Amino acid sequence: MSAFRALVAEYRFAPSMKRASRSFGYSLMAIASQESVTEPEAVSVNIDDDLDLDTAVIVALGCNDKGVWASCREALEAALARFRSEGIDIVARSSWWASQAWPDPNDPPFLNGVAIVRTAHDPHALMAALGRIEEAFGRRRAAANAPRTLDLDLIAYGREQGDCAGLILPHPRAADRLFVMGPLAEIAPEWRHPQTAAAASAMITTATVGRDAHPLGR
């Protein structure tokens, strides 16, 4: 096992959690993306059987500039490995989804995924921690929508709603992005949007951005 893979194995899952394997209906996802997709291997996740999705803290990850890593996939796995050092434990994580860059499809394609996490951080402290991880991976904000070595978004913090001292929760555009809702439906299809009560499994059919998003074959 390489040093990188050993690091991922150490940090990828919280050891106190019970291991389970979940896979969501890829036929429905194929309909949502209006194209056939190849079903990847089931994603191994650490998720509590009694996890209360009303309290779920959800983080989205994205990358379309591999930076110093061999690939965007490796960069994203390394980012997940970094979470624990910032006081963020991974409860469940999706597979990686591929899609064209948005809004400019001429930019390098994206890989995206979602993680349900557990943390003692409040929303603002969590955002600060995610920002530190982005910076460690070379994230620069020189231009809007420029290629990103790492993009971390706080999608939901339990049932928190509205403007939380400048932080809008839930993420105001996540429900319209298939590259967010698809991965989320993969691990928590029954999660419901705090404002609309729509289930993740339903929002993959109504999301309009990133309609080409699909699980990366393994």
Protein backbone atom coordinates (compact mmCIF):
# COMPACT_ATOMS: atom_id res chain seq x y z
CA MET A 1 0.00 0.00 0.00
CA SER A 2 1.38 3.45 -0.95
CA ALA A 3 1.95 6.09 1.72
CA PHE A 4 -0.91 8.11 0.21
CA ARG A 5 -3.35 5.21 0.33
CA ALA A 6 -2.28 4.40 3.87
CA LEU A 7 -3.06 7.98 4.87
CA VAL A 8 -6.48 7.80 3.26
CA ALA A 9 -7.17 4.46 4.94
CA GLU A 10 -6.29 5.99 8.31
CA TYR A 11 -8.44 9.10 7.99
CA ARG A 12 -11.13 8.26 5.47
CA PHE A 13 -13.53 6.75 7.99
CA ALA A 14 -14.10 7.47 11.68
CA PRO A 15 -13.12 4.20 13.41
CA SER A 16 -15.83 4.50 16.06
CA MET A 17 -18.60 4.26 13.47
CA LYS A 18 -20.19 1.06 12.24
CA ARG A 19 -19.36 0.13 8.65
CA ALA A 20 -22.17 -0.27 6.19
CA SER A 21 -22.53 -0.30 2.45
CA ARG A 22 -25.20 1.66 0.61
CA SER A 23 -26.02 2.08 -3.00
CA PHE A 24 -28.81 4.28 -4.41
CA GLY A 25 -30.96 3.55 -7.48
CA TYR A 26 -28.69 4.35 -10.39
CA SER A 27 -31.51 3.77 -12.84
CA LEU A 28 -33.27 6.81 -11.35
CA MET A 29 -30.04 8.80 -11.56
CA ALA A 30 -29.71 7.83 -15.21
CA ILE A 31 -33.17 9.22 -15.85
CA ALA A 32 -32.25 12.40 -13.97
CA SER A 33 -29.11 12.93 -16.07
CA GLN A 34 -30.94 11.91 -19.27
CA GLU A 35 -28.19 9.49 -20.16
CA SER A 36 -27.13 5.96 -19.35
CA VAL A 37 -24.50 5.64 -16.66
CA THR A 38 -22.33 2.74 -15.62
CA GLU A 39 -23.05 1.64 -12.08
CA PRO A 40 -19.86 1.96 -10.02
CA GLU A 41 -18.95 -0.29 -7.15
CA ALA A 42 -21.09 0.23 -4.07
CA VAL A 43 -19.62 2.94 -1.87
CA SER A 44 -18.35 1.75 1.50
CA VAL A 45 -19.42 4.24 4.15
CA ASN A 46 -19.31 4.57 7.90
CA ILE A 47 -22.81 5.63 8.87
CA ASP A 48 -24.78 5.15 12.06
CA ASP A 49 -27.93 3.10 11.60
CA ASP A 50 -29.73 5.64 13.80
CA LEU A 51 -28.26 8.77 12.19
CA ASP A 52 -30.78 11.60 12.46
CA LEU A 53 -30.70 13.35 9.10
CA ASP A 54 -32.43 16.36 10.65
CA THR A 55 -29.13 17.09 12.38
CA ALA A 56 -26.89 16.17 9.44
CA VAL A 57 -24.02 18.50 8.58
CA ILE A 58 -23.36 18.19 4.85
CA VAL A 59 -20.23 19.31 3.00
CA ALA A 60 -19.78 19.25 -0.79
CA LEU A 61 -16.35 18.81 -2.38
CA GLY A 62 -15.22 19.68 -5.90
CA CYS A 63 -12.04 19.84 -7.96
CA ASN A 64 -11.17 20.57 -11.59
CA ASP A 65 -7.49 21.47 -11.13
CA LYS A 66 -5.43 18.59 -9.74
CA GLY A 67 -2.63 20.89 -8.62
CA VAL A 68 0.27 18.86 -7.22
CA TRP A 69 -1.78 15.64 -7.12
CA ALA A 70 -1.80 12.92 -9.77
CA SER A 71 -5.51 13.44 -10.42
CA CYS A 72 -8.53 15.32 -9.12
CA ARG A 73 -9.74 12.10 -7.56
CA GLU A 74 -6.53 11.77 -5.56
CA ALA A 75 -6.76 15.42 -4.52
CA LEU A 76 -10.31 14.94 -3.24
CA GLU A 77 -9.42 11.78 -1.31
CA ALA A 78 -6.53 13.67 0.27
CA ALA A 79 -8.90 16.51 1.19
CA LEU A 80 -11.19 14.07 2.98
CA ALA A 81 -8.15 12.72 4.80
CA ARG A 82 -7.42 16.25 6.03
CA PHE A 83 -10.85 16.72 7.62
CA ARG A 84 -10.06 15.02 10.90
CA SER A 85 -7.10 17.29 11.63
CA GLU A 86 -9.59 20.18 11.57
CA GLY A 87 -12.00 18.51 14.00
CA ILE A 88 -14.32 17.16 11.32
CA ASP A 89 -15.24 13.45 11.36
CA ILE A 90 -16.69 11.79 8.27
CA VAL A 91 -19.91 9.91 8.94
CA ALA A 92 -20.66 9.03 5.30
CA ARG A 93 -19.25 9.92 1.91
CA SER A 94 -20.43 9.52 -1.67
CA SER A 95 -18.58 8.28 -4.70
CA TRP A 96 -17.11 10.90 -7.02
CA TRP A 97 -19.29 12.34 -9.76
CA ALA A 98 -17.93 13.68 -13.06
CA SER A 99 -19.41 16.60 -14.98
CA GLN A 100 -18.50 19.40 -17.33
CA ALA A 101 -17.34 22.61 -15.72
CA TRP A 102 -20.05 25.17 -15.00
CA PRO A 103 -20.69 27.85 -16.14
CA ASP A 104 -17.90 27.53 -18.75
CA PRO A 105 -17.77 23.98 -20.21
CA ASN A 106 -14.43 24.85 -21.83
CA ASP A 107 -12.78 24.74 -18.41
CA PRO A 108 -11.46 21.36 -17.20
CA PRO A 109 -14.20 18.93 -16.11
CA PHE A 110 -15.09 18.61 -12.45
CA LEU A 111 -15.18 15.81 -9.94
CA ASN A 112 -17.62 16.35 -7.10
CA GLY A 113 -18.80 14.50 -4.04
CA VAL A 114 -20.60 14.94 -0.75
CA ALA A 115 -19.77 14.00 2.84
CA ILE A 116 -21.97 13.92 5.92
CA VAL A 117 -19.79 14.98 8.82
CA ARG A 118 -19.85 15.30 12.58
CA THR A 119 -18.14 18.23 14.28
CA ALA A 120 -18.22 20.38 17.40
CA HIS A 121 -17.69 23.48 15.22
CA ASP A 122 -20.54 25.93 14.85
CA PRO A 123 -21.33 26.88 11.21
CA HIS A 124 -18.90 29.81 11.08
CA ALA A 125 -16.06 27.87 12.71
CA LEU A 126 -16.74 25.00 10.30
CA MET A 127 -16.55 27.35 7.33
CA ALA A 128 -13.24 28.67 8.65
CA ALA A 129 -11.91 25.11 8.98
CA LEU A 130 -13.01 24.26 5.44
CA GLY A 131 -11.31 27.44 4.23
CA ARG A 132 -8.04 26.39 5.85
CA ILE A 133 -8.21 23.04 4.06
CA GLU A 134 -8.86 24.79 0.75
CA GLU A 135 -5.85 27.06 1.29
CA ALA A 136 -3.65 24.07 2.15
CA PHE A 137 -4.60 22.60 -1.22
CA GLY A 138 -3.64 25.76 -3.09
CA ARG A 139 -7.09 27.29 -3.54
CA ARG A 140 -6.90 30.81 -4.94
CA ARG A 141 -9.85 33.13 -5.49
CA ALA A 142 -8.40 35.37 -8.19
CA ALA A 143 -11.43 35.15 -10.52
CA ALA A 144 -15.01 33.98 -10.19
CA ASN A 145 -15.60 30.41 -11.40
CA ALA A 146 -11.91 29.88 -12.21
CA PRO A 147 -10.63 26.26 -12.08
CA ARG A 148 -10.25 25.10 -8.48
CA THR A 149 -7.76 22.85 -6.79
CA LEU A 150 -10.39 22.36 -4.07
CA ASP A 151 -13.86 23.74 -3.47
CA LEU A 152 -15.57 22.98 -0.15
CA ASP A 153 -19.14 24.16 0.44
CA LEU A 154 -21.29 23.86 3.55
CA ILE A 155 -24.57 22.58 2.11
CA ALA A 156 -26.56 22.18 5.31
CA TYR A 157 -26.06 22.41 9.05
CA GLY A 158 -28.93 20.46 10.53
CA ARG A 159 -32.17 22.42 10.12
CA GLU A 160 -30.48 25.83 10.28
CA GLN A 161 -32.16 28.27 7.90
CA GLY A 162 -31.66 31.83 6.75
CA ASP A 163 -28.89 34.37 7.08
CA CYS A 164 -26.68 33.25 9.94
CA ALA A 165 -24.54 36.38 10.39
CA GLY A 166 -23.64 36.47 6.70
CA LEU A 167 -23.67 32.72 6.11
CA ILE A 168 -26.73 31.57 4.15
CA LEU A 169 -28.03 28.13 5.17
CA PRO A 170 -28.86 25.83 3.59
CA HIS A 171 -26.60 26.58 0.62
CA PRO A 172 -28.87 28.68 -1.62
CA ARG A 173 -27.94 26.97 -4.92
CA ALA A 174 -27.21 23.38 -3.91
CA ALA A 175 -30.72 22.06 -4.61
CA ASP A 176 -30.40 23.06 -8.26
CA ARG A 177 -27.07 21.28 -8.82
CA LEU A 178 -27.15 17.65 -9.86
CA PHE A 179 -23.46 17.31 -9.00
CA VAL A 180 -24.46 18.01 -5.38
CA MET A 181 -27.88 16.37 -5.16
CA GLY A 182 -26.77 13.23 -7.01
CA PRO A 183 -23.97 12.38 -4.57
CA LEU A 184 -26.17 13.31 -1.61
CA ALA A 185 -29.02 11.08 -2.84
CA GLU A 186 -26.49 8.28 -3.18
CA ILE A 187 -25.79 8.21 0.57
CA ALA A 188 -28.89 9.85 2.07
CA PRO A 189 -31.80 9.71 -0.39
CA GLU A 190 -34.27 10.45 2.42
CA TRP A 191 -32.54 13.69 3.50
CA ARG A 192 -34.96 16.60 3.19
CA HIS A 193 -34.22 20.21 2.36
CA PRO A 194 -34.73 22.37 5.48
CA GLN A 195 -36.82 24.94 3.59
CA THR A 196 -38.73 23.02 0.92
CA ALA A 197 -38.87 19.58 2.60
CA ALA A 198 -38.02 18.04 -0.79
CA ALA A 199 -36.10 14.77 -0.51
CA ALA A 200 -32.65 14.44 -2.04
CA SER A 201 -33.96 11.55 -4.15
CA ALA A 202 -36.57 13.89 -5.63
CA MET A 203 -34.27 16.86 -6.18
CA ILE A 204 -32.07 14.91 -8.58
CA THR A 205 -34.99 15.04 -11.01
CA THR A 206 -35.51 18.81 -10.65
CA ALA A 207 -31.90 20.06 -10.53
CA THR A 208 -31.12 22.02 -13.70
CA VAL A 209 -27.36 22.70 -13.36
CA GLY A 210 -24.85 19.99 -14.24
CA ARG A 211 -27.37 17.69 -15.89
CA ASP A 212 -24.50 15.63 -17.34
CA ALA A 213 -23.21 14.73 -13.84
CA HIS A 214 -22.81 10.99 -13.29
CA PRO A 215 -21.00 8.65 -10.90
CA LEU A 216 -17.41 8.05 -11.91
CA GLY A 217 -16.92 4.45 -13.02
CA ARG A 218 -14.48 2.42 -10.93
